[in-house]
Amino acid sequence: MRVLVAEDDASVAAALTSVLARAGHTCARVARGSDLLLRHRDADVVLLDLGLEDMDGLDALTQLRAVSEVPVIVVTARGDERSTVRALSLGADDYLVKPVRLHELLARLGAVVRRYARPHQAERIVVGDLAVDVVARTVDSAGEAVTLTPTEFGLLVALARRSGQIVSRQQVLDEVWGDAYAASSRSFDVHLAQVRQKLPGVRITTVRGFGYRLEDDS
């Protein structure tokens, strides 16, 4: 598995990554919550300390859960009930208090990831008269080929995969730009306008204050 260790203490991070590497996992380490939000898409599971360099780990967890369901195991020195309950209620999958028994960590890691077996994502998405081939990166609308830029294509796929559902603006930014919080909102709006213009047969509804919903308008 690809494990992202979010830990501000270099010695603790080194011990964790060493054990995980010996168990056959690939590890990367960040010390800042902002870097966690940038790199989580490359991980199968996150080990999260609650004391990060730039923000509280609970705040990082809140922002991460707004855009991703990647498994998260909190590994922290905070052993109080309040922190445990809050972390789990914010979306952590497990909570371990330092010092961690490493064999237990490996067992918990495996158990959490098994619960999150990633579903197969369709290579071809069909919504009404819209057909999107994710692998070939082609778009067909009512029998006509439509040319989209790479960013426009990524934006369309992010919405079409969840057609009929409301998708948050942060989720789209995270999937297309790789960062839900640093991408230019102006850039997002311009690309979305272009997709709407090129695909008039597809309705993309703005849900004020939250995000967007793609629906067939044929």
N, C-alpha and C. Protein backbone atom coordinates (compact mmCIF):
# COMPACT_ATOMS: atom_id res chain seq x y z
N MET A 1 0.83 -1.20 0.00
CA MET A 1 0.00 0.00 0.00
C MET A 1 0.87 1.25 0.00
N ARG A 2 0.31 2.32 -0.52
CA ARG A 2 0.97 3.62 -0.47
C ARG A 2 0.47 4.35 0.77
N VAL A 3 1.38 4.59 1.70
CA VAL A 3 1.01 5.20 2.98
C VAL A 3 1.59 6.60 3.05
N LEU A 4 0.74 7.57 3.35
CA LEU A 4 1.19 8.94 3.55
C LEU A 4 1.20 9.22 5.05
N VAL A 5 2.38 9.49 5.60
CA VAL A 5 2.54 9.76 7.02
C VAL A 5 2.56 11.27 7.23
N ALA A 6 1.54 11.80 7.88
CA ALA A 6 1.48 13.23 8.19
C ALA A 6 1.90 13.40 9.64
N GLU A 7 3.16 13.75 9.85
CA GLU A 7 3.76 13.76 11.18
C GLU A 7 4.82 14.86 11.24
N ASP A 8 4.73 15.75 12.25
CA ASP A 8 5.69 16.85 12.32
C ASP A 8 7.00 16.47 13.00
N ASP A 9 7.02 15.38 13.75
CA ASP A 9 8.23 14.94 14.43
C ASP A 9 9.01 14.02 13.50
N ALA A 10 10.19 14.47 13.08
CA ALA A 10 10.97 13.73 12.09
C ALA A 10 11.38 12.35 12.58
N SER A 11 11.71 12.23 13.87
CA SER A 11 12.16 10.93 14.39
C SER A 11 11.01 9.94 14.44
N VAL A 12 9.83 10.40 14.83
CA VAL A 12 8.65 9.53 14.85
C VAL A 12 8.30 9.09 13.43
N ALA A 13 8.34 10.06 12.52
CA ALA A 13 8.02 9.75 11.13
C ALA A 13 9.00 8.72 10.57
N ALA A 14 10.27 8.88 10.90
CA ALA A 14 11.28 7.94 10.40
C ALA A 14 11.03 6.53 10.93
N ALA A 15 10.65 6.43 12.21
CA ALA A 15 10.37 5.11 12.80
C ALA A 15 9.17 4.47 12.12
N LEU A 16 8.12 5.25 11.88
CA LEU A 16 6.93 4.71 11.25
C LEU A 16 7.21 4.26 9.82
N THR A 17 7.87 5.11 9.06
CA THR A 17 8.14 4.78 7.65
C THR A 17 9.07 3.57 7.54
N SER A 18 10.01 3.45 8.48
CA SER A 18 10.92 2.31 8.46
C SER A 18 10.17 1.00 8.66
N VAL A 19 9.28 0.98 9.65
CA VAL A 19 8.50 -0.23 9.93
C VAL A 19 7.59 -0.56 8.75
N LEU A 20 6.95 0.45 8.21
CA LEU A 20 6.03 0.23 7.10
C LEU A 20 6.77 -0.26 5.86
N ALA A 21 7.93 0.30 5.62
CA ALA A 21 8.72 -0.12 4.46
C ALA A 21 9.15 -1.58 4.60
N ARG A 22 9.55 -1.97 5.82
CA ARG A 22 9.95 -3.37 6.04
C ARG A 22 8.78 -4.33 5.84
N ALA A 23 7.57 -3.81 6.04
CA ALA A 23 6.37 -4.64 5.85
C ALA A 23 5.92 -4.63 4.39
N GLY A 24 6.67 -3.94 3.54
CA GLY A 24 6.38 -3.97 2.11
C GLY A 24 5.56 -2.81 1.58
N HIS A 25 5.32 -1.80 2.41
CA HIS A 25 4.53 -0.65 1.98
C HIS A 25 5.43 0.46 1.43
N THR A 26 4.88 1.30 0.58
CA THR A 26 5.57 2.47 0.07
C THR A 26 5.15 3.68 0.88
N CYS A 27 6.11 4.44 1.39
CA CYS A 27 5.79 5.53 2.32
C CYS A 27 6.26 6.88 1.80
N ALA A 28 5.49 7.89 2.15
CA ALA A 28 5.89 9.28 1.94
C ALA A 28 5.53 10.02 3.21
N ARG A 29 6.25 11.10 3.51
CA ARG A 29 6.00 11.83 4.74
C ARG A 29 5.80 13.31 4.48
N VAL A 30 4.82 13.91 5.13
CA VAL A 30 4.62 15.36 5.12
C VAL A 30 4.52 15.81 6.56
N ALA A 31 4.84 17.08 6.80
CA ALA A 31 4.78 17.63 8.15
C ALA A 31 3.72 18.72 8.28
N ARG A 32 3.13 19.10 7.15
CA ARG A 32 2.16 20.19 7.13
C ARG A 32 0.81 19.71 6.61
N GLY A 33 -0.24 20.26 7.19
CA GLY A 33 -1.58 19.91 6.73
C GLY A 33 -1.81 20.31 5.28
N SER A 34 -1.25 21.44 4.88
CA SER A 34 -1.42 21.90 3.49
C SER A 34 -0.81 20.90 2.52
N ASP A 35 0.32 20.29 2.90
CA ASP A 35 0.94 19.28 2.04
C ASP A 35 0.13 17.99 2.01
N LEU A 36 -0.50 17.66 3.14
CA LEU A 36 -1.40 16.51 3.17
C LEU A 36 -2.52 16.70 2.16
N LEU A 37 -3.10 17.89 2.11
CA LEU A 37 -4.21 18.17 1.21
C LEU A 37 -3.77 18.15 -0.24
N LEU A 38 -2.50 18.42 -0.49
CA LEU A 38 -1.98 18.37 -1.85
C LEU A 38 -1.65 16.96 -2.31
N ARG A 39 -1.24 16.10 -1.38
CA ARG A 39 -0.67 14.80 -1.78
C ARG A 39 -1.52 13.58 -1.44
N HIS A 40 -2.69 13.79 -0.84
CA HIS A 40 -3.48 12.64 -0.39
C HIS A 40 -3.94 11.75 -1.53
N ARG A 41 -4.06 12.30 -2.74
CA ARG A 41 -4.55 11.51 -3.87
C ARG A 41 -3.57 10.42 -4.29
N ASP A 42 -2.32 10.55 -3.85
CA ASP A 42 -1.31 9.54 -4.19
C ASP A 42 -1.21 8.44 -3.13
N ALA A 43 -2.10 8.46 -2.15
CA ALA A 43 -2.01 7.51 -1.03
C ALA A 43 -3.22 6.58 -0.97
N ASP A 44 -2.98 5.37 -0.48
CA ASP A 44 -4.07 4.43 -0.22
C ASP A 44 -4.58 4.58 1.21
N VAL A 45 -3.75 5.13 2.09
CA VAL A 45 -4.13 5.34 3.48
C VAL A 45 -3.25 6.44 4.07
N VAL A 46 -3.80 7.18 5.02
CA VAL A 46 -3.08 8.28 5.68
C VAL A 46 -2.94 7.98 7.17
N LEU A 47 -1.72 8.14 7.69
CA LEU A 47 -1.48 8.12 9.13
C LEU A 47 -1.34 9.57 9.56
N LEU A 48 -2.23 10.04 10.41
CA LEU A 48 -2.34 11.47 10.72
C LEU A 48 -2.04 11.77 12.18
N ASP A 49 -0.99 12.57 12.39
CA ASP A 49 -0.72 13.11 13.72
C ASP A 49 -1.60 14.35 13.89
N LEU A 50 -2.01 14.63 15.11
CA LEU A 50 -2.87 15.81 15.33
C LEU A 50 -2.08 17.08 15.57
N GLY A 51 -0.75 16.98 15.68
CA GLY A 51 0.07 18.17 15.86
C GLY A 51 0.93 18.41 14.64
N LEU A 52 0.37 19.11 13.64
CA LEU A 52 1.12 19.39 12.42
C LEU A 52 1.75 20.78 12.48
N GLU A 53 2.65 21.06 11.57
CA GLU A 53 3.41 22.32 11.64
C GLU A 53 2.55 23.56 11.40
N ASP A 54 1.57 23.45 10.52
CA ASP A 54 0.83 24.64 10.11
C ASP A 54 -0.61 24.69 10.57
N MET A 55 -1.13 23.58 11.10
CA MET A 55 -2.52 23.57 11.57
C MET A 55 -2.76 22.38 12.48
N ASP A 56 -3.85 22.43 13.21
CA ASP A 56 -4.22 21.29 14.05
C ASP A 56 -4.66 20.14 13.14
N GLY A 57 -4.28 18.93 13.51
CA GLY A 57 -4.62 17.78 12.69
C GLY A 57 -6.11 17.58 12.51
N LEU A 58 -6.91 17.98 13.48
CA LEU A 58 -8.36 17.86 13.35
C LEU A 58 -8.89 18.79 12.26
N ASP A 59 -8.27 19.97 12.13
CA ASP A 59 -8.66 20.89 11.06
C ASP A 59 -8.26 20.31 9.70
N ALA A 60 -7.08 19.70 9.65
CA ALA A 60 -6.64 19.06 8.41
C ALA A 60 -7.58 17.92 8.04
N LEU A 61 -8.01 17.16 9.04
CA LEU A 61 -8.93 16.05 8.79
C LEU A 61 -10.26 16.56 8.25
N THR A 62 -10.75 17.65 8.81
CA THR A 62 -12.02 18.24 8.34
C THR A 62 -11.92 18.63 6.88
N GLN A 63 -10.82 19.30 6.51
CA GLN A 63 -10.64 19.72 5.12
C GLN A 63 -10.45 18.53 4.20
N LEU A 64 -9.74 17.51 4.66
CA LEU A 64 -9.52 16.32 3.85
C LEU A 64 -10.83 15.61 3.58
N ARG A 65 -11.66 15.48 4.59
CA ARG A 65 -12.92 14.76 4.43
C ARG A 65 -13.90 15.51 3.52
N ALA A 66 -13.69 16.79 3.31
CA ALA A 66 -14.55 17.54 2.40
C ALA A 66 -14.33 17.12 0.95
N VAL A 67 -13.18 16.49 0.67
CA VAL A 67 -12.85 16.16 -0.71
C VAL A 67 -12.48 14.70 -0.94
N SER A 68 -12.25 13.93 0.11
CA SER A 68 -11.71 12.58 -0.08
C SER A 68 -12.21 11.61 0.98
N GLU A 69 -12.34 10.35 0.57
CA GLU A 69 -12.69 9.28 1.49
C GLU A 69 -11.50 8.37 1.76
N VAL A 70 -10.27 8.85 1.48
CA VAL A 70 -9.09 8.05 1.73
C VAL A 70 -9.08 7.61 3.20
N PRO A 71 -8.76 6.35 3.49
CA PRO A 71 -8.73 5.91 4.89
C PRO A 71 -7.74 6.72 5.72
N VAL A 72 -8.13 7.07 6.93
CA VAL A 72 -7.28 7.87 7.82
C VAL A 72 -7.21 7.19 9.18
N ILE A 73 -5.98 6.93 9.63
CA ILE A 73 -5.76 6.45 11.00
C ILE A 73 -5.02 7.54 11.75
N VAL A 74 -5.63 8.03 12.80
CA VAL A 74 -4.97 9.04 13.63
C VAL A 74 -3.95 8.35 14.52
N VAL A 75 -2.72 8.86 14.53
CA VAL A 75 -1.66 8.35 15.40
C VAL A 75 -1.13 9.55 16.17
N THR A 76 -1.46 9.66 17.44
CA THR A 76 -1.21 10.90 18.17
C THR A 76 -0.88 10.63 19.64
N ALA A 77 -0.32 11.66 20.28
CA ALA A 77 -0.06 11.58 21.71
C ALA A 77 -1.29 11.97 22.53
N ARG A 78 -2.31 12.52 21.87
CA ARG A 78 -3.52 12.94 22.58
C ARG A 78 -4.37 11.71 22.89
N GLY A 79 -4.41 11.35 24.16
CA GLY A 79 -5.17 10.16 24.54
C GLY A 79 -6.48 10.46 25.22
N ASP A 80 -6.88 11.74 25.26
CA ASP A 80 -8.12 12.10 25.97
C ASP A 80 -9.33 11.69 25.14
N GLU A 81 -10.40 11.42 25.85
CA GLU A 81 -11.63 10.95 25.21
C GLU A 81 -12.19 11.97 24.23
N ARG A 82 -12.10 13.25 24.59
CA ARG A 82 -12.68 14.29 23.73
C ARG A 82 -12.02 14.30 22.35
N SER A 83 -10.69 14.22 22.31
CA SER A 83 -9.98 14.22 21.03
C SER A 83 -10.33 12.98 20.22
N THR A 84 -10.41 11.84 20.92
CA THR A 84 -10.73 10.60 20.23
C THR A 84 -12.11 10.67 19.59
N VAL A 85 -13.10 11.09 20.37
CA VAL A 85 -14.47 11.16 19.87
C VAL A 85 -14.57 12.16 18.73
N ARG A 86 -13.89 13.31 18.87
CA ARG A 86 -13.99 14.33 17.82
C ARG A 86 -13.36 13.84 16.53
N ALA A 87 -12.19 13.21 16.63
CA ALA A 87 -11.51 12.72 15.43
C ALA A 87 -12.37 11.69 14.69
N LEU A 88 -12.94 10.77 15.44
CA LEU A 88 -13.77 9.73 14.82
C LEU A 88 -15.04 10.32 14.22
N SER A 89 -15.60 11.33 14.88
CA SER A 89 -16.82 11.95 14.37
C SER A 89 -16.54 12.79 13.13
N LEU A 90 -15.30 13.26 12.98
CA LEU A 90 -14.92 14.04 11.80
C LEU A 90 -14.55 13.16 10.62
N GLY A 91 -14.48 11.85 10.84
CA GLY A 91 -14.24 10.96 9.72
C GLY A 91 -13.01 10.10 9.79
N ALA A 92 -12.27 10.14 10.91
CA ALA A 92 -11.13 9.22 11.05
C ALA A 92 -11.66 7.80 11.15
N ASP A 93 -10.91 6.85 10.60
CA ASP A 93 -11.35 5.46 10.61
C ASP A 93 -10.86 4.69 11.82
N ASP A 94 -9.77 5.17 12.43
CA ASP A 94 -9.23 4.52 13.61
C ASP A 94 -8.40 5.55 14.37
N TYR A 95 -8.08 5.23 15.62
CA TYR A 95 -7.39 6.19 16.48
C TYR A 95 -6.42 5.43 17.38
N LEU A 96 -5.13 5.71 17.25
CA LEU A 96 -4.11 5.06 18.06
C LEU A 96 -3.34 6.11 18.84
N VAL A 97 -3.05 5.78 20.09
CA VAL A 97 -2.33 6.71 20.96
C VAL A 97 -0.87 6.27 21.07
N LYS A 98 0.05 7.23 20.90
CA LYS A 98 1.48 6.97 21.04
C LYS A 98 1.82 6.69 22.50
N PRO A 99 2.83 5.87 22.76
CA PRO A 99 3.62 5.10 21.79
C PRO A 99 2.80 3.96 21.22
N VAL A 100 2.96 3.76 19.91
CA VAL A 100 2.15 2.77 19.20
C VAL A 100 2.87 1.43 19.15
N ARG A 101 2.14 0.37 19.40
CA ARG A 101 2.70 -0.98 19.20
C ARG A 101 2.65 -1.25 17.70
N LEU A 102 3.81 -1.43 17.11
CA LEU A 102 3.92 -1.44 15.66
C LEU A 102 3.17 -2.59 15.00
N HIS A 103 3.16 -3.76 15.65
CA HIS A 103 2.40 -4.88 15.08
C HIS A 103 0.90 -4.55 15.07
N GLU A 104 0.45 -3.85 16.10
CA GLU A 104 -0.95 -3.45 16.13
C GLU A 104 -1.24 -2.45 15.03
N LEU A 105 -0.31 -1.51 14.82
CA LEU A 105 -0.49 -0.51 13.75
C LEU A 105 -0.64 -1.20 12.40
N LEU A 106 0.21 -2.18 12.12
CA LEU A 106 0.14 -2.88 10.84
C LEU A 106 -1.18 -3.62 10.69
N ALA A 107 -1.66 -4.20 11.79
CA ALA A 107 -2.94 -4.92 11.75
C ALA A 107 -4.10 -3.96 11.51
N ARG A 108 -4.06 -2.82 12.21
CA ARG A 108 -5.13 -1.82 12.03
C ARG A 108 -5.11 -1.27 10.60
N LEU A 109 -3.91 -1.07 10.09
CA LEU A 109 -3.74 -0.55 8.74
C LEU A 109 -4.41 -1.48 7.72
N GLY A 110 -4.12 -2.76 7.85
CA GLY A 110 -4.71 -3.73 6.94
C GLY A 110 -6.22 -3.80 7.06
N ALA A 111 -6.72 -3.72 8.29
CA ALA A 111 -8.17 -3.82 8.51
C ALA A 111 -8.89 -2.62 7.90
N VAL A 112 -8.33 -1.44 8.08
CA VAL A 112 -8.98 -0.23 7.55
C VAL A 112 -9.00 -0.26 6.03
N VAL A 113 -7.88 -0.61 5.42
CA VAL A 113 -7.82 -0.60 3.96
C VAL A 113 -8.73 -1.65 3.35
N ARG A 114 -8.89 -2.79 3.99
CA ARG A 114 -9.81 -3.81 3.48
C ARG A 114 -11.24 -3.30 3.44
N ARG A 115 -11.60 -2.45 4.39
CA ARG A 115 -12.96 -1.89 4.39
C ARG A 115 -13.15 -0.90 3.26
N TYR A 116 -12.05 -0.41 2.73
CA TYR A 116 -12.12 0.63 1.71
C TYR A 116 -11.73 0.11 0.33
N ALA A 117 -11.96 -1.15 0.04
CA ALA A 117 -11.62 -1.67 -1.28
C ALA A 117 -12.22 -0.75 -2.32
N ARG A 118 -11.36 -0.16 -3.14
CA ARG A 118 -11.82 0.87 -4.08
C ARG A 118 -12.70 0.26 -5.16
N PRO A 119 -13.89 0.84 -5.38
CA PRO A 119 -14.77 0.31 -6.41
C PRO A 119 -14.19 0.56 -7.80
N HIS A 120 -14.53 -0.34 -8.73
CA HIS A 120 -14.11 -0.15 -10.12
C HIS A 120 -14.81 1.07 -10.70
N GLN A 121 -14.06 1.92 -11.36
CA GLN A 121 -14.65 3.08 -11.99
C GLN A 121 -14.83 2.80 -13.48
N ALA A 122 -16.02 3.10 -13.97
CA ALA A 122 -16.33 2.80 -15.36
C ALA A 122 -15.40 3.55 -16.30
N GLU A 123 -15.00 2.85 -17.39
CA GLU A 123 -14.16 3.49 -18.39
C GLU A 123 -15.01 4.28 -19.38
N ARG A 124 -16.28 3.96 -19.43
CA ARG A 124 -17.20 4.68 -20.32
C ARG A 124 -18.40 5.15 -19.50
N ILE A 125 -18.69 6.42 -19.58
CA ILE A 125 -19.79 7.02 -18.82
C ILE A 125 -20.85 7.49 -19.80
N VAL A 126 -22.09 7.08 -19.59
CA VAL A 126 -23.18 7.49 -20.46
C VAL A 126 -24.26 8.17 -19.63
N VAL A 127 -24.59 9.39 -20.02
CA VAL A 127 -25.66 10.15 -19.37
C VAL A 127 -26.55 10.70 -20.49
N GLY A 128 -27.70 10.05 -20.71
CA GLY A 128 -28.56 10.48 -21.81
C GLY A 128 -27.83 10.35 -23.14
N ASP A 129 -27.74 11.45 -23.88
CA ASP A 129 -27.07 11.46 -25.18
C ASP A 129 -25.57 11.74 -25.06
N LEU A 130 -25.10 11.88 -23.83
CA LEU A 130 -23.68 12.15 -23.60
C LEU A 130 -22.94 10.84 -23.34
N ALA A 131 -21.83 10.62 -24.06
CA ALA A 131 -20.99 9.45 -23.85
C ALA A 131 -19.55 9.92 -23.68
N VAL A 132 -18.93 9.50 -22.57
CA VAL A 132 -17.56 9.89 -22.27
C VAL A 132 -16.71 8.64 -22.15
N ASP A 133 -15.68 8.54 -22.97
CA ASP A 133 -14.73 7.44 -22.88
C ASP A 133 -13.54 7.94 -22.08
N VAL A 134 -13.41 7.46 -20.84
CA VAL A 134 -12.41 7.98 -19.93
C VAL A 134 -11.00 7.61 -20.38
N VAL A 135 -10.84 6.41 -20.94
CA VAL A 135 -9.52 5.95 -21.36
C VAL A 135 -9.08 6.64 -22.65
N ALA A 136 -9.98 6.66 -23.65
CA ALA A 136 -9.65 7.29 -24.93
C ALA A 136 -9.73 8.81 -24.85
N ARG A 137 -10.35 9.31 -23.78
CA ARG A 137 -10.51 10.75 -23.56
C ARG A 137 -11.29 11.40 -24.69
N THR A 138 -12.40 10.76 -25.05
CA THR A 138 -13.27 11.32 -26.08
C THR A 138 -14.64 11.60 -25.50
N VAL A 139 -15.33 12.56 -26.11
CA VAL A 139 -16.67 12.95 -25.67
C VAL A 139 -17.57 12.98 -26.90
N ASP A 140 -18.73 12.36 -26.76
CA ASP A 140 -19.71 12.31 -27.85
C ASP A 140 -21.04 12.81 -27.30
N SER A 141 -21.65 13.77 -27.98
CA SER A 141 -22.92 14.31 -27.53
C SER A 141 -23.92 14.25 -28.68
N ALA A 142 -24.96 13.45 -28.50
CA ALA A 142 -26.00 13.27 -29.51
C ALA A 142 -25.39 12.86 -30.85
N GLY A 143 -24.39 11.97 -30.81
CA GLY A 143 -23.79 11.46 -32.02
C GLY A 143 -22.70 12.33 -32.62
N GLU A 144 -22.42 13.46 -31.99
CA GLU A 144 -21.40 14.38 -32.49
C GLU A 144 -20.20 14.39 -31.54
N ALA A 145 -18.99 14.31 -32.11
CA ALA A 145 -17.79 14.39 -31.29
C ALA A 145 -17.60 15.83 -30.80
N VAL A 146 -17.23 15.95 -29.53
CA VAL A 146 -17.01 17.27 -28.93
C VAL A 146 -15.57 17.34 -28.44
N THR A 147 -14.89 18.40 -28.80
CA THR A 147 -13.49 18.56 -28.40
C THR A 147 -13.41 19.40 -27.13
N LEU A 148 -12.80 18.82 -26.09
CA LEU A 148 -12.60 19.53 -24.82
C LEU A 148 -11.11 19.61 -24.52
N THR A 149 -10.73 20.65 -23.81
CA THR A 149 -9.35 20.74 -23.33
C THR A 149 -9.17 19.72 -22.21
N PRO A 150 -7.92 19.38 -21.85
CA PRO A 150 -7.73 18.42 -20.74
C PRO A 150 -8.42 18.83 -19.45
N THR A 151 -8.39 20.11 -19.12
CA THR A 151 -9.04 20.57 -17.89
C THR A 151 -10.55 20.47 -17.99
N GLU A 152 -11.10 20.85 -19.15
CA GLU A 152 -12.54 20.73 -19.35
C GLU A 152 -12.97 19.27 -19.28
N PHE A 153 -12.17 18.38 -19.86
CA PHE A 153 -12.49 16.95 -19.83
C PHE A 153 -12.49 16.43 -18.39
N GLY A 154 -11.48 16.81 -17.62
CA GLY A 154 -11.41 16.37 -16.24
C GLY A 154 -12.59 16.87 -15.42
N LEU A 155 -13.00 18.11 -15.67
CA LEU A 155 -14.15 18.68 -14.96
C LEU A 155 -15.42 17.92 -15.31
N LEU A 156 -15.59 17.62 -16.61
CA LEU A 156 -16.78 16.88 -17.05
C LEU A 156 -16.82 15.50 -16.42
N VAL A 157 -15.70 14.78 -16.39
CA VAL A 157 -15.66 13.44 -15.82
C VAL A 157 -15.99 13.47 -14.33
N ALA A 158 -15.45 14.47 -13.62
CA ALA A 158 -15.71 14.57 -12.19
C ALA A 158 -17.21 14.69 -11.90
N LEU A 159 -17.93 15.40 -12.77
CA LEU A 159 -19.37 15.57 -12.58
C LEU A 159 -20.16 14.39 -13.15
N ALA A 160 -19.74 13.89 -14.33
CA ALA A 160 -20.50 12.83 -14.99
C ALA A 160 -20.45 11.52 -14.22
N ARG A 161 -19.34 11.24 -13.54
CA ARG A 161 -19.25 10.01 -12.74
C ARG A 161 -20.34 9.99 -11.67
N ARG A 162 -20.80 11.16 -11.26
CA ARG A 162 -21.81 11.25 -10.19
C ARG A 162 -23.08 11.92 -10.73
N SER A 163 -23.43 11.62 -11.94
CA SER A 163 -24.59 12.27 -12.55
C SER A 163 -25.83 12.10 -11.66
N GLY A 164 -26.57 13.19 -11.53
CA GLY A 164 -27.75 13.19 -10.68
C GLY A 164 -27.47 13.49 -9.23
N GLN A 165 -26.18 13.51 -8.86
CA GLN A 165 -25.79 13.80 -7.48
C GLN A 165 -25.18 15.19 -7.39
N ILE A 166 -25.27 15.80 -6.22
CA ILE A 166 -24.61 17.09 -5.99
C ILE A 166 -23.16 16.82 -5.65
N VAL A 167 -22.26 17.46 -6.39
CA VAL A 167 -20.82 17.32 -6.17
C VAL A 167 -20.29 18.66 -5.69
N SER A 168 -19.56 18.65 -4.56
CA SER A 168 -19.09 19.92 -4.02
C SER A 168 -18.02 20.54 -4.92
N ARG A 169 -17.95 21.84 -4.88
CA ARG A 169 -16.93 22.57 -5.63
C ARG A 169 -15.53 22.09 -5.22
N GLN A 170 -15.34 21.85 -3.92
CA GLN A 170 -14.04 21.38 -3.43
C GLN A 170 -13.67 20.03 -4.02
N GLN A 171 -14.65 19.13 -4.17
CA GLN A 171 -14.36 17.82 -4.75
C GLN A 171 -13.88 17.94 -6.19
N VAL A 172 -14.54 18.81 -6.96
CA VAL A 172 -14.15 18.98 -8.35
C VAL A 172 -12.76 19.59 -8.45
N LEU A 173 -12.51 20.62 -7.64
CA LEU A 173 -11.19 21.24 -7.64
C LEU A 173 -10.11 20.24 -7.27
N ASP A 174 -10.41 19.39 -6.31
CA ASP A 174 -9.43 18.41 -5.85
C ASP A 174 -9.13 17.38 -6.94
N GLU A 175 -10.17 16.92 -7.63
CA GLU A 175 -9.97 15.91 -8.65
C GLU A 175 -9.28 16.46 -9.90
N VAL A 176 -9.63 17.68 -10.29
CA VAL A 176 -9.13 18.23 -11.55
C VAL A 176 -7.81 18.96 -11.38
N TRP A 177 -7.73 19.78 -10.33
CA TRP A 177 -6.52 20.56 -10.12
C TRP A 177 -5.56 19.92 -9.11
N GLY A 178 -6.07 18.92 -8.36
CA GLY A 178 -5.21 18.26 -7.38
C GLY A 178 -5.10 19.02 -6.08
N ASP A 179 -5.91 20.06 -5.90
CA ASP A 179 -5.86 20.85 -4.67
C ASP A 179 -7.19 21.58 -4.52
N ALA A 180 -7.95 21.20 -3.50
CA ALA A 180 -9.28 21.78 -3.33
C ALA A 180 -9.25 23.21 -2.82
N TYR A 181 -8.10 23.67 -2.36
CA TYR A 181 -8.08 24.96 -1.68
C TYR A 181 -7.17 26.01 -2.31
N ALA A 182 -6.30 25.61 -3.22
CA ALA A 182 -5.38 26.58 -3.81
C ALA A 182 -5.71 26.92 -5.26
N ALA A 183 -6.53 26.10 -5.91
CA ALA A 183 -6.85 26.36 -7.31
C ALA A 183 -7.64 27.65 -7.46
N SER A 184 -7.37 28.36 -8.55
CA SER A 184 -8.03 29.63 -8.80
C SER A 184 -9.52 29.43 -9.05
N SER A 185 -10.36 30.10 -8.28
CA SER A 185 -11.80 29.97 -8.47
C SER A 185 -12.19 30.58 -9.81
N ARG A 186 -11.47 31.62 -10.25
CA ARG A 186 -11.75 32.24 -11.54
C ARG A 186 -11.50 31.25 -12.67
N SER A 187 -10.40 30.51 -12.57
CA SER A 187 -10.09 29.49 -13.57
C SER A 187 -11.19 28.43 -13.61
N PHE A 188 -11.63 28.01 -12.44
CA PHE A 188 -12.70 27.01 -12.36
C PHE A 188 -13.94 27.50 -13.09
N ASP A 189 -14.36 28.73 -12.82
CA ASP A 189 -15.58 29.27 -13.41
C ASP A 189 -15.48 29.38 -14.92
N VAL A 190 -14.31 29.76 -15.42
CA VAL A 190 -14.12 29.89 -16.87
C VAL A 190 -14.23 28.51 -17.54
N HIS A 191 -13.57 27.51 -16.96
CA HIS A 191 -13.63 26.17 -17.55
C HIS A 191 -15.03 25.59 -17.49
N LEU A 192 -15.73 25.82 -16.40
CA LEU A 192 -17.10 25.32 -16.28
C LEU A 192 -18.00 25.98 -17.32
N ALA A 193 -17.82 27.26 -17.55
CA ALA A 193 -18.61 27.98 -18.56
C ALA A 193 -18.35 27.39 -19.95
N GLN A 194 -17.10 27.03 -20.22
CA GLN A 194 -16.76 26.45 -21.51
C GLN A 194 -17.42 25.09 -21.70
N VAL A 195 -17.43 24.28 -20.65
CA VAL A 195 -18.07 22.96 -20.73
C VAL A 195 -19.57 23.14 -21.01
N ARG A 196 -20.19 24.06 -20.33
CA ARG A 196 -21.62 24.31 -20.54
C ARG A 196 -21.89 24.77 -21.97
N GLN A 197 -21.02 25.60 -22.50
CA GLN A 197 -21.20 26.11 -23.85
C GLN A 197 -21.04 25.00 -24.90
N LYS A 198 -20.06 24.13 -24.69
CA LYS A 198 -19.78 23.07 -25.66
C LYS A 198 -20.77 21.91 -25.57
N LEU A 199 -21.43 21.76 -24.43
CA LEU A 199 -22.39 20.67 -24.23
C LEU A 199 -23.75 21.21 -23.82
N PRO A 200 -24.44 21.88 -24.73
CA PRO A 200 -25.74 22.47 -24.37
C PRO A 200 -26.80 21.44 -24.04
N GLY A 201 -26.61 20.18 -24.46
CA GLY A 201 -27.59 19.14 -24.15
C GLY A 201 -27.44 18.54 -22.78
N VAL A 202 -26.44 18.99 -22.04
CA VAL A 202 -26.21 18.49 -20.68
C VAL A 202 -26.44 19.63 -19.70
N ARG A 203 -27.30 19.41 -18.75
CA ARG A 203 -27.58 20.47 -17.77
C ARG A 203 -26.65 20.31 -16.56
N ILE A 204 -25.89 21.35 -16.27
CA ILE A 204 -25.05 21.39 -15.06
C ILE A 204 -25.63 22.48 -14.17
N THR A 205 -26.31 22.05 -13.15
CA THR A 205 -27.02 22.97 -12.25
C THR A 205 -26.10 23.41 -11.11
N THR A 206 -26.08 24.69 -10.85
CA THR A 206 -25.34 25.21 -9.70
C THR A 206 -26.21 25.13 -8.45
N VAL A 207 -25.72 24.45 -7.44
CA VAL A 207 -26.42 24.36 -6.16
C VAL A 207 -25.76 25.38 -5.24
N ARG A 208 -26.40 26.49 -5.07
CA ARG A 208 -25.79 27.65 -4.40
C ARG A 208 -25.24 27.28 -3.02
N GLY A 209 -24.00 27.67 -2.80
CA GLY A 209 -23.37 27.46 -1.51
C GLY A 209 -22.76 26.08 -1.33
N PHE A 210 -22.89 25.21 -2.37
CA PHE A 210 -22.32 23.87 -2.19
C PHE A 210 -21.56 23.39 -3.41
N GLY A 211 -22.25 23.25 -4.55
CA GLY A 211 -21.54 22.69 -5.69
C GLY A 211 -22.41 22.60 -6.92
N TYR A 212 -22.35 21.43 -7.62
CA TYR A 212 -22.97 21.31 -8.93
C TYR A 212 -23.56 19.91 -9.12
N ARG A 213 -24.57 19.85 -10.00
CA ARG A 213 -25.18 18.56 -10.33
C ARG A 213 -25.32 18.48 -11.84
N LEU A 214 -24.78 17.40 -12.43
CA LEU A 214 -24.90 17.18 -13.87
C LEU A 214 -26.08 16.27 -14.14
N GLU A 215 -26.92 16.69 -15.09
CA GLU A 215 -28.12 15.91 -15.42
C GLU A 215 -28.32 15.90 -16.93
N ASP A 216 -29.00 14.88 -17.41
CA ASP A 216 -29.34 14.80 -18.83
C ASP A 216 -30.45 15.82 -19.11
N ASP A 217 -30.29 16.61 -20.17
CA ASP A 217 -31.29 17.62 -20.50
C ASP A 217 -31.88 17.36 -21.88
N SER A 218 -31.77 16.11 -22.34
CA SER A 218 -32.28 15.79 -23.68
C SER A 218 -33.79 15.56 -23.64
